[in-house]
Amino acid sequence: MDFSQFNSAERATLNTIIEKKQMQDFMKLYSGLVERCFNSCVNDFTSKSLGSKEDICVQNCTDKFLKHSERVGARFAEHNAEQMNQQAKP
C-alpha cells in the first residue's frame, strides 16, 4: 500500500489500524485451529491430560492446518503476482 499521500500522523493511525486487524485475524485463525482440533481429537474427559491417541491426533491436525494455511498463502501470493503482472501490461 502506498501511504505517501498521508502525513505522518495519518500514516501512524493507519499502521495502528492495520496491525490491530492483523492481530484480530491471527487470533481468529488460532481460535479456529484450537476449536477444530479439540473437537476432532479430544474424546476422553476422564483425565486432565491428553491420551496418546489424542496427542497424536492434535499434532496431525495442527500440522495439516498449518501446511494448508501456508499453501493457501502461497497460492494467493502467486495469484496476486499474476494480477499485478496483467495490470502492468498495456
PDB file of N, CA and C in Angstrom:
ATOM      1  N   MET A   1       0.827  -1.177   0.000  1.00  0.00           N
ATOM      2  CA  MET A   1       0.000   0.000   0.000  1.00  0.00           C
ATOM      3  C   MET A   1       0.864   1.231   0.000  1.00  0.00           C
ATOM      4  N   ASP A   2       0.418   2.231  -0.706  1.00  0.00           N
ATOM      5  CA  ASP A   2       1.160   3.487  -0.781  1.00  0.00           C
ATOM      6  C   ASP A   2       0.494   4.505   0.128  1.00  0.00           C
ATOM      7  N   PHE A   3       1.169   4.841   1.206  1.00  0.00           N
ATOM      8  CA  PHE A   3       0.648   5.813   2.155  1.00  0.00           C
ATOM      9  C   PHE A   3       1.318   7.169   1.995  1.00  0.00           C
ATOM     10  N   SER A   4       2.002   7.379   0.887  1.00  0.00           N
ATOM     11  CA  SER A   4       2.798   8.597   0.719  1.00  0.00           C
ATOM     12  C   SER A   4       1.941   9.859   0.705  1.00  0.00           C
ATOM     13  N   GLN A   5       0.674   9.744   0.353  1.00  0.00           N
ATOM     14  CA  GLN A   5      -0.170  10.939   0.298  1.00  0.00           C
ATOM     15  C   GLN A   5      -0.657  11.380   1.680  1.00  0.00           C
ATOM     16  N   PHE A   6      -0.381  10.562   2.712  1.00  0.00           N
ATOM     17  CA  PHE A   6      -0.802  10.890   4.070  1.00  0.00           C
ATOM     18  C   PHE A   6       0.347  11.501   4.864  1.00  0.00           C
ATOM     19  N   ASN A   7      -0.008  12.346   5.830  1.00  0.00           N
ATOM     20  CA  ASN A   7       1.034  12.892   6.701  1.00  0.00           C
ATOM     21  C   ASN A   7       1.436  11.836   7.727  1.00  0.00           C
ATOM     22  N   SER A   8       2.456  12.126   8.513  1.00  0.00           N
ATOM     23  CA  SER A   8       2.991  11.106   9.424  1.00  0.00           C
ATOM     24  C   SER A   8       1.978  10.667  10.474  1.00  0.00           C
ATOM     25  N   ALA A   9       1.163  11.553  10.968  1.00  0.00           N
ATOM     26  CA  ALA A   9       0.147  11.178  11.964  1.00  0.00           C
ATOM     27  C   ALA A   9      -0.893  10.246  11.353  1.00  0.00           C
ATOM     28  N   GLU A  10      -1.305  10.533  10.126  1.00  0.00           N
ATOM     29  CA  GLU A  10      -2.284   9.677   9.438  1.00  0.00           C
ATOM     30  C   GLU A  10      -1.693   8.298   9.134  1.00  0.00           C
ATOM     31  N   ARG A  11      -0.409   8.297   8.723  1.00  0.00           N
ATOM     32  CA  ARG A  11       0.261   7.017   8.464  1.00  0.00           C
ATOM     33  C   ARG A  11       0.350   6.184   9.736  1.00  0.00           C
ATOM     34  N   ALA A  12       0.671   6.820  10.843  1.00  0.00           N
ATOM     35  CA  ALA A  12       0.757   6.110  12.121  1.00  0.00           C
ATOM     36  C   ALA A  12      -0.600   5.543  12.509  1.00  0.00           C
ATOM     37  N   THR A  13      -1.657   6.308  12.301  1.00  0.00           N
ATOM     38  CA  THR A  13      -3.009   5.837  12.606  1.00  0.00           C
ATOM     39  C   THR A  13      -3.372   4.646  11.723  1.00  0.00           C
ATOM     40  N   LEU A  14      -3.083   4.756  10.438  1.00  0.00           N
ATOM     41  CA  LEU A  14      -3.373   3.649   9.521  1.00  0.00           C
ATOM     42  C   LEU A  14      -2.577   2.401   9.889  1.00  0.00           C
ATOM     43  N   ASN A  15      -1.307   2.566  10.230  1.00  0.00           N
ATOM     44  CA  ASN A  15      -0.485   1.417  10.633  1.00  0.00           C
ATOM     45  C   ASN A  15      -1.041   0.757  11.887  1.00  0.00           C
ATOM     46  N   THR A  16      -1.519   1.556  12.831  1.00  0.00           N
ATOM     47  CA  THR A  16      -2.116   1.013  14.048  1.00  0.00           C
ATOM     48  C   THR A  16      -3.370   0.208  13.718  1.00  0.00           C
ATOM     49  N   ILE A  17      -4.209   0.745  12.836  1.00  0.00           N
ATOM     50  CA  ILE A  17      -5.432   0.041  12.428  1.00  0.00           C
ATOM     51  C   ILE A  17      -5.085  -1.271  11.736  1.00  0.00           C
ATOM     52  N   ILE A  18      -4.103  -1.239  10.846  1.00  0.00           N
ATOM     53  CA  ILE A  18      -3.687  -2.452  10.121  1.00  0.00           C
ATOM     54  C   ILE A  18      -3.134  -3.497  11.091  1.00  0.00           C
ATOM     55  N   GLU A  19      -2.299  -3.066  12.021  1.00  0.00           N
ATOM     56  CA  GLU A  19      -1.730  -4.004  12.995  1.00  0.00           C
ATOM     57  C   GLU A  19      -2.827  -4.625  13.867  1.00  0.00           C
ATOM     58  N   LYS A  20      -3.799  -3.831  14.260  1.00  0.00           N
ATOM     59  CA  LYS A  20      -4.910  -4.346  15.067  1.00  0.00           C
ATOM     60  C   LYS A  20      -5.709  -5.376  14.273  1.00  0.00           C
ATOM     61  N   LYS A  21      -5.977  -5.079  13.009  1.00  0.00           N
ATOM     62  CA  LYS A  21      -6.717  -6.002  12.151  1.00  0.00           C
ATOM     63  C   LYS A  21      -5.934  -7.299  11.950  1.00  0.00           C
ATOM     64  N   GLN A  22      -4.624  -7.191  11.756  1.00  0.00           N
ATOM     65  CA  GLN A  22      -3.802  -8.385  11.591  1.00  0.00           C
ATOM     66  C   GLN A  22      -3.824  -9.242  12.852  1.00  0.00           C
ATOM     67  N   MET A  23      -3.786  -8.621  14.016  1.00  0.00           N
ATOM     68  CA  MET A  23      -3.849  -9.366  15.273  1.00  0.00           C
ATOM     69  C   MET A  23      -5.203 -10.040  15.431  1.00  0.00           C
ATOM     70  N   GLN A  24      -6.273  -9.346  15.075  1.00  0.00           N
ATOM     71  CA  GLN A  24      -7.606  -9.948  15.138  1.00  0.00           C
ATOM     72  C   GLN A  24      -7.698 -11.147  14.199  1.00  0.00           C
ATOM     73  N   ASP A  25      -7.164 -11.003  12.997  1.00  0.00           N
ATOM     74  CA  ASP A  25      -7.182 -12.107  12.033  1.00  0.00           C
ATOM     75  C   ASP A  25      -6.377 -13.296  12.550  1.00  0.00           C
ATOM     76  N   PHE A  26      -5.215 -13.026  13.142  1.00  0.00           N
ATOM     77  CA  PHE A  26      -4.397 -14.094  13.697  1.00  0.00           C
ATOM     78  C   PHE A  26      -5.132 -14.809  14.828  1.00  0.00           C
ATOM     79  N   MET A  27      -5.743 -14.050  15.723  1.00  0.00           N
ATOM     80  CA  MET A  27      -6.457 -14.648  16.851  1.00  0.00           C
ATOM     81  C   MET A  27      -7.656 -15.462  16.367  1.00  0.00           C
ATOM     82  N   LYS A  28      -8.329 -14.998  15.330  1.00  0.00           N
ATOM     83  CA  LYS A  28      -9.446 -15.752  14.753  1.00  0.00           C
ATOM     84  C   LYS A  28      -8.940 -17.066  14.158  1.00  0.00           C
ATOM     85  N   LEU A  29      -7.828 -17.008  13.441  1.00  0.00           N
ATOM     86  CA  LEU A  29      -7.230 -18.206  12.856  1.00  0.00           C
ATOM     87  C   LEU A  29      -6.809 -19.192  13.946  1.00  0.00           C
ATOM     88  N   TYR A  30      -6.136 -18.691  14.968  1.00  0.00           N
ATOM     89  CA  TYR A  30      -5.667 -19.525  16.069  1.00  0.00           C
ATOM     90  C   TYR A  30      -6.846 -20.152  16.817  1.00  0.00           C
ATOM     91  N   SER A  31      -7.858 -19.358  17.113  1.00  0.00           N
ATOM     92  CA  SER A  31      -9.035 -19.876  17.821  1.00  0.00           C
ATOM     93  C   SER A  31      -9.742 -20.950  16.998  1.00  0.00           C
ATOM     94  N   GLY A  32      -9.832 -20.723  15.705  1.00  0.00           N
ATOM     95  CA  GLY A  32     -10.444 -21.720  14.827  1.00  0.00           C
ATOM     96  C   GLY A  32      -9.663 -23.018  14.812  1.00  0.00           C
ATOM     97  N   LEU A  33      -8.341 -22.906  14.803  1.00  0.00           N
ATOM     98  CA  LEU A  33      -7.481 -24.093  14.840  1.00  0.00           C
ATOM     99  C   LEU A  33      -7.687 -24.865  16.136  1.00  0.00           C
ATOM    100  N   VAL A  34      -7.680 -24.159  17.255  1.00  0.00           N
ATOM    101  CA  VAL A  34      -7.861 -24.810  18.551  1.00  0.00           C
ATOM    102  C   VAL A  34      -9.215 -25.506  18.612  1.00  0.00           C
ATOM    103  N   GLU A  35     -10.254 -24.807  18.180  1.00  0.00           N
ATOM    104  CA  GLU A  35     -11.599 -25.387  18.230  1.00  0.00           C
ATOM    105  C   GLU A  35     -11.710 -26.616  17.326  1.00  0.00           C
ATOM    106  N   ARG A  36     -11.210 -26.495  16.111  1.00  0.00           N
ATOM    107  CA  ARG A  36     -11.306 -27.608  15.157  1.00  0.00           C
ATOM    108  C   ARG A  36     -10.574 -28.846  15.669  1.00  0.00           C
ATOM    109  N   CYS A  37      -9.339 -28.661  16.116  1.00  0.00           N
ATOM    110  CA  CYS A  37      -8.542 -29.802  16.561  1.00  0.00           C
ATOM    111  C   CYS A  37      -9.083 -30.376  17.867  1.00  0.00           C
ATOM    112  N   PHE A  38      -9.545 -29.530  18.769  1.00  0.00           N
ATOM    113  CA  PHE A  38     -10.124 -30.024  20.017  1.00  0.00           C
ATOM    114  C   PHE A  38     -11.358 -30.864  19.728  1.00  0.00           C
ATOM    115  N   ASN A  39     -12.257 -30.334  18.907  1.00  0.00           N
ATOM    116  CA  ASN A  39     -13.489 -31.063  18.594  1.00  0.00           C
ATOM    117  C   ASN A  39     -13.225 -32.366  17.847  1.00  0.00           C
ATOM    118  N   SER A  40     -12.195 -32.388  17.027  1.00  0.00           N
ATOM    119  CA  SER A  40     -11.878 -33.588  16.252  1.00  0.00           C
ATOM    120  C   SER A  40     -11.125 -34.643  17.052  1.00  0.00           C
ATOM    121  N   CYS A  41     -10.340 -34.211  18.022  1.00  0.00           N
ATOM    122  CA  CYS A  41      -9.385 -35.129  18.633  1.00  0.00           C
ATOM    123  C   CYS A  41      -9.665 -35.497  20.084  1.00  0.00           C
ATOM    124  N   VAL A  42     -10.267 -34.622  20.832  1.00  0.00           N
ATOM    125  CA  VAL A  42     -10.417 -34.868  22.268  1.00  0.00           C
ATOM    126  C   VAL A  42     -11.757 -35.548  22.521  1.00  0.00           C
ATOM    127  N   ASN A  43     -11.681 -36.775  23.028  1.00  0.00           N
ATOM    128  CA  ASN A  43     -12.889 -37.582  23.258  1.00  0.00           C
ATOM    129  C   ASN A  43     -13.039 -38.025  24.699  1.00  0.00           C
ATOM    130  N   ASP A  44     -11.942 -38.091  25.421  1.00  0.00           N
ATOM    131  CA  ASP A  44     -11.943 -38.653  26.771  1.00  0.00           C
ATOM    132  C   ASP A  44     -11.745 -37.536  27.791  1.00  0.00           C
ATOM    133  N   PHE A  45     -12.760 -37.319  28.617  1.00  0.00           N
ATOM    134  CA  PHE A  45     -12.688 -36.256  29.610  1.00  0.00           C
ATOM    135  C   PHE A  45     -12.494 -36.800  31.022  1.00  0.00           C
ATOM    136  N   THR A  46     -12.006 -38.020  31.113  1.00  0.00           N
ATOM    137  CA  THR A  46     -11.776 -38.616  32.429  1.00  0.00           C
ATOM    138  C   THR A  46     -10.410 -38.242  33.001  1.00  0.00           C
ATOM    139  N   SER A  47      -9.582 -37.589  32.193  1.00  0.00           N
ATOM    140  CA  SER A  47      -8.250 -37.180  32.645  1.00  0.00           C
ATOM    141  C   SER A  47      -8.005 -35.748  32.187  1.00  0.00           C
ATOM    142  N   LYS A  48      -7.194 -35.026  32.940  1.00  0.00           N
ATOM    143  CA  LYS A  48      -6.903 -33.654  32.539  1.00  0.00           C
ATOM    144  C   LYS A  48      -5.821 -33.576  31.465  1.00  0.00           C
ATOM    145  N   SER A  49      -5.143 -34.677  31.192  1.00  0.00           N
ATOM    146  CA  SER A  49      -4.128 -34.692  30.143  1.00  0.00           C
ATOM    147  C   SER A  49      -4.638 -35.486  28.932  1.00  0.00           C
ATOM    148  N   LEU A  50      -4.018 -35.221  27.801  1.00  0.00           N
ATOM    149  CA  LEU A  50      -4.399 -35.922  26.576  1.00  0.00           C
ATOM    150  C   LEU A  50      -3.857 -37.336  26.591  1.00  0.00           C
ATOM    151  N   GLY A  51      -4.645 -38.252  26.030  1.00  0.00           N
ATOM    152  CA  GLY A  51      -4.149 -39.606  25.822  1.00  0.00           C
ATOM    153  C   GLY A  51      -3.218 -39.618  24.625  1.00  0.00           C
ATOM    154  N   SER A  52      -2.511 -40.716  24.431  1.00  0.00           N
ATOM    155  CA  SER A  52      -1.536 -40.764  23.330  1.00  0.00           C
ATOM    156  C   SER A  52      -2.213 -40.616  21.972  1.00  0.00           C
ATOM    157  N   LYS A  53      -3.380 -41.245  21.782  1.00  0.00           N
ATOM    158  CA  LYS A  53      -4.091 -41.114  20.504  1.00  0.00           C
ATOM    159  C   LYS A  53      -4.547 -39.666  20.297  1.00  0.00           C
ATOM    160  N   GLU A  54      -5.026 -39.053  21.369  1.00  0.00           N
ATOM    161  CA  GLU A  54      -5.471 -37.659  21.266  1.00  0.00           C
ATOM    162  C   GLU A  54      -4.292 -36.744  20.967  1.00  0.00           C
ATOM    163  N   ASP A  55      -3.180 -36.987  21.619  1.00  0.00           N
ATOM    164  CA  ASP A  55      -1.990 -36.174  21.409  1.00  0.00           C
ATOM    165  C   ASP A  55      -1.518 -36.266  19.963  1.00  0.00           C
ATOM    166  N   ILE A  56      -1.473 -37.458  19.417  1.00  0.00           N
ATOM    167  CA  ILE A  56      -1.058 -37.660  18.021  1.00  0.00           C
ATOM    168  C   ILE A  56      -2.057 -36.981  17.084  1.00  0.00           C
ATOM    169  N   CYS A  57      -3.341 -37.122  17.390  1.00  0.00           N
ATOM    170  CA  CYS A  57      -4.375 -36.503  16.557  1.00  0.00           C
ATOM    171  C   CYS A  57      -4.227 -34.981  16.545  1.00  0.00           C
ATOM    172  N   VAL A  58      -4.020 -34.388  17.706  1.00  0.00           N
ATOM    173  CA  VAL A  58      -3.853 -32.938  17.783  1.00  0.00           C
ATOM    174  C   VAL A  58      -2.620 -32.503  16.996  1.00  0.00           C
ATOM    175  N   GLN A  59      -1.534 -33.236  17.129  1.00  0.00           N
ATOM    176  CA  GLN A  59      -0.313 -32.907  16.378  1.00  0.00           C
ATOM    177  C   GLN A  59      -0.558 -32.975  14.872  1.00  0.00           C
ATOM    178  N   ASN A  60      -1.203 -34.040  14.420  1.00  0.00           N
ATOM    179  CA  ASN A  60      -1.505 -34.173  12.995  1.00  0.00           C
ATOM    180  C   ASN A  60      -2.456 -33.083  12.517  1.00  0.00           C
ATOM    181  N   CYS A  61      -3.455 -32.778  13.334  1.00  0.00           N
ATOM    182  CA  CYS A  61      -4.434 -31.751  12.982  1.00  0.00           C
ATOM    183  C   CYS A  61      -3.761 -30.393  12.823  1.00  0.00           C
ATOM    184  N   THR A  62      -2.931 -30.021  13.764  1.00  0.00           N
ATOM    185  CA  THR A  62      -2.260 -28.720  13.683  1.00  0.00           C
ATOM    186  C   THR A  62      -1.274 -28.679  12.518  1.00  0.00           C
ATOM    187  N   ASP A  63      -0.544 -29.760  12.307  1.00  0.00           N
ATOM    188  CA  ASP A  63       0.392 -29.811  11.173  1.00  0.00           C
ATOM    189  C   ASP A  63      -0.347 -29.629   9.855  1.00  0.00           C
ATOM    190  N   LYS A  64      -1.450 -30.352   9.706  1.00  0.00           N
ATOM    191  CA  LYS A  64      -2.224 -30.279   8.467  1.00  0.00           C
ATOM    192  C   LYS A  64      -2.790 -28.874   8.277  1.00  0.00           C
ATOM    193  N   PHE A  65      -3.319 -28.297   9.334  1.00  0.00           N
ATOM    194  CA  PHE A  65      -3.898 -26.963   9.255  1.00  0.00           C
ATOM    195  C   PHE A  65      -2.844 -25.929   8.870  1.00  0.00           C
ATOM    196  N   LEU A  66      -1.679 -25.992   9.489  1.00  0.00           N
ATOM    197  CA  LEU A  66      -0.627 -25.028   9.195  1.00  0.00           C
ATOM    198  C   LEU A  66      -0.079 -25.205   7.779  1.00  0.00           C
ATOM    199  N   LYS A  67       0.072 -26.445   7.330  1.00  0.00           N
ATOM    200  CA  LYS A  67       0.526 -26.686   5.956  1.00  0.00           C
ATOM    201  C   LYS A  67      -0.503 -26.169   4.952  1.00  0.00           C
ATOM    202  N   HIS A  68      -1.772 -26.390   5.269  1.00  0.00           N
ATOM    203  CA  HIS A  68      -2.839 -25.898   4.400  1.00  0.00           C
ATOM    204  C   HIS A  68      -2.805 -24.368   4.334  1.00  0.00           C
ATOM    205  N   SER A  69      -2.680 -23.718   5.485  1.00  0.00           N
ATOM    206  CA  SER A  69      -2.633 -22.258   5.527  1.00  0.00           C
ATOM    207  C   SER A  69      -1.438 -21.718   4.741  1.00  0.00           C
ATOM    208  N   GLU A  70      -0.303 -22.385   4.878  1.00  0.00           N
ATOM    209  CA  GLU A  70       0.894 -21.982   4.140  1.00  0.00           C
ATOM    210  C   GLU A  70       0.673 -22.114   2.633  1.00  0.00           C
ATOM    211  N   ARG A  71       0.051 -23.211   2.229  1.00  0.00           N
ATOM    212  CA  ARG A  71      -0.183 -23.441   0.801  1.00  0.00           C
ATOM    213  C   ARG A  71      -1.171 -22.425   0.233  1.00  0.00           C
ATOM    214  N   VAL A  72      -2.236 -22.145   0.976  1.00  0.00           N
ATOM    215  CA  VAL A  72      -3.209 -21.154   0.532  1.00  0.00           C
ATOM    216  C   VAL A  72      -2.541 -19.785   0.415  1.00  0.00           C
ATOM    217  N   GLY A  73      -1.711 -19.431   1.382  1.00  0.00           N
ATOM    218  CA  GLY A  73      -0.996 -18.157   1.325  1.00  0.00           C
ATOM    219  C   GLY A  73      -0.083 -18.072   0.117  1.00  0.00           C
ATOM    220  N   ALA A  74       0.605 -19.157  -0.195  1.00  0.00           N
ATOM    221  CA  ALA A  74       1.496 -19.176  -1.358  1.00  0.00           C
ATOM    222  C   ALA A  74       0.700 -19.031  -2.652  1.00  0.00           C
ATOM    223  N   ARG A  75      -0.431 -19.724  -2.743  1.00  0.00           N
ATOM    224  CA  ARG A  75      -1.269 -19.627  -3.946  1.00  0.00           C
ATOM    225  C   ARG A  75      -1.848 -18.222  -4.083  1.00  0.00           C
ATOM    226  N   PHE A  76      -2.242 -17.639  -2.971  1.00  0.00           N
ATOM    227  CA  PHE A  76      -2.756 -16.277  -3.000  1.00  0.00           C
ATOM    228  C   PHE A  76      -1.678 -15.314  -3.488  1.00  0.00           C
ATOM    229  N   ALA A  77      -0.457 -15.475  -3.013  1.00  0.00           N
ATOM    230  CA  ALA A  77       0.651 -14.617  -3.447  1.00  0.00           C
ATOM    231  C   ALA A  77       0.916 -14.789  -4.940  1.00  0.00           C
ATOM    232  N   GLU A  78       0.862 -16.030  -5.429  1.00  0.00           N
ATOM    233  CA  GLU A  78       1.053 -16.276  -6.862  1.00  0.00           C
ATOM    234  C   GLU A  78      -0.048 -15.605  -7.671  1.00  0.00           C
ATOM    235  N   HIS A  79      -1.280 -15.755  -7.225  1.00  0.00           N
ATOM    236  CA  HIS A  79      -2.416 -15.153  -7.923  1.00  0.00           C
ATOM    237  C   HIS A  79      -2.293 -13.631  -7.922  1.00  0.00           C
ATOM    238  N   ASN A  80      -1.903 -13.077  -6.782  1.00  0.00           N
ATOM    239  CA  ASN A  80      -1.736 -11.630  -6.675  1.00  0.00           C
ATOM    240  C   ASN A  80      -0.640 -11.144  -7.625  1.00  0.00           C
ATOM    241  N   ALA A  81       0.462 -11.885  -7.712  1.00  0.00           N
ATOM    242  CA  ALA A  81       1.551 -11.516  -8.623  1.00  0.00           C
ATOM    243  C   ALA A  81       1.080 -11.560 -10.078  1.00  0.00           C
ATOM    244  N   GLU A  82       0.298 -12.576 -10.429  1.00  0.00           N
ATOM    245  CA  GLU A  82      -0.242 -12.671 -11.789  1.00  0.00           C
ATOM    246  C   GLU A  82      -1.142 -11.478 -12.099  1.00  0.00           C
ATOM    247  N   GLN A  83      -1.984 -11.122 -11.150  1.00  0.00           N
ATOM    248  CA  GLN A  83      -2.877  -9.979 -11.339  1.00  0.00           C
ATOM    249  C   GLN A  83      -2.082  -8.686 -11.522  1.00  0.00           C
ATOM    250  N   MET A  84      -1.029  -8.529 -10.747  1.00  0.00           N
ATOM    251  CA  MET A  84      -0.200  -7.323 -10.864  1.00  0.00           C
ATOM    252  C   MET A  84       0.502  -7.281 -12.220  1.00  0.00           C
ATOM    253  N   ASN A  85       0.970  -8.446 -12.681  1.00  0.00           N
ATOM    254  CA  ASN A  85       1.621  -8.506 -13.998  1.00  0.00           C
ATOM    255  C   ASN A  85       0.648  -8.182 -15.118  1.00  0.00           C
ATOM    256  N   GLN A  86      -0.573  -8.673 -15.006  1.00  0.00           N
ATOM    257  CA  GLN A  86      -1.576  -8.401 -16.037  1.00  0.00           C
ATOM    258  C   GLN A  86      -1.959  -6.929 -16.059  1.00  0.00           C
ATOM    259  N   GLN A  87      -2.004  -6.303 -14.894  1.00  0.00           N
ATOM    260  CA  GLN A  87      -2.333  -4.891 -14.835  1.00  0.00           C
ATOM    261  C   GLN A  87      -1.195  -4.032 -15.376  1.00  0.00           C
ATOM    262  N   ALA A  88       0.024  -4.510 -15.232  1.00  0.00           N
ATOM    263  CA  ALA A  88       1.193  -3.752 -15.698  1.00  0.00           C
ATOM    264  C   ALA A  88       1.319  -3.789 -17.214  1.00  0.00           C
ATOM    265  N   LYS A  89       0.790  -4.843 -17.841  1.00  0.00           N
ATOM    266  CA  LYS A  89       0.875  -4.967 -19.300  1.00  0.00           C
ATOM    267  C   LYS A  89      -0.182  -4.056 -19.941  1.00  0.00           C
ATOM    268  N   PRO A  90       0.210  -3.370 -21.034  1.00  0.00           N
ATOM    269  CA  PRO A  90      -0.752  -2.483 -21.717  1.00  0.00           C
ATOM    270  C   PRO A  90      -1.829  -3.222 -22.440  1.00  0.00           C
TER     271      PRO A  90
END
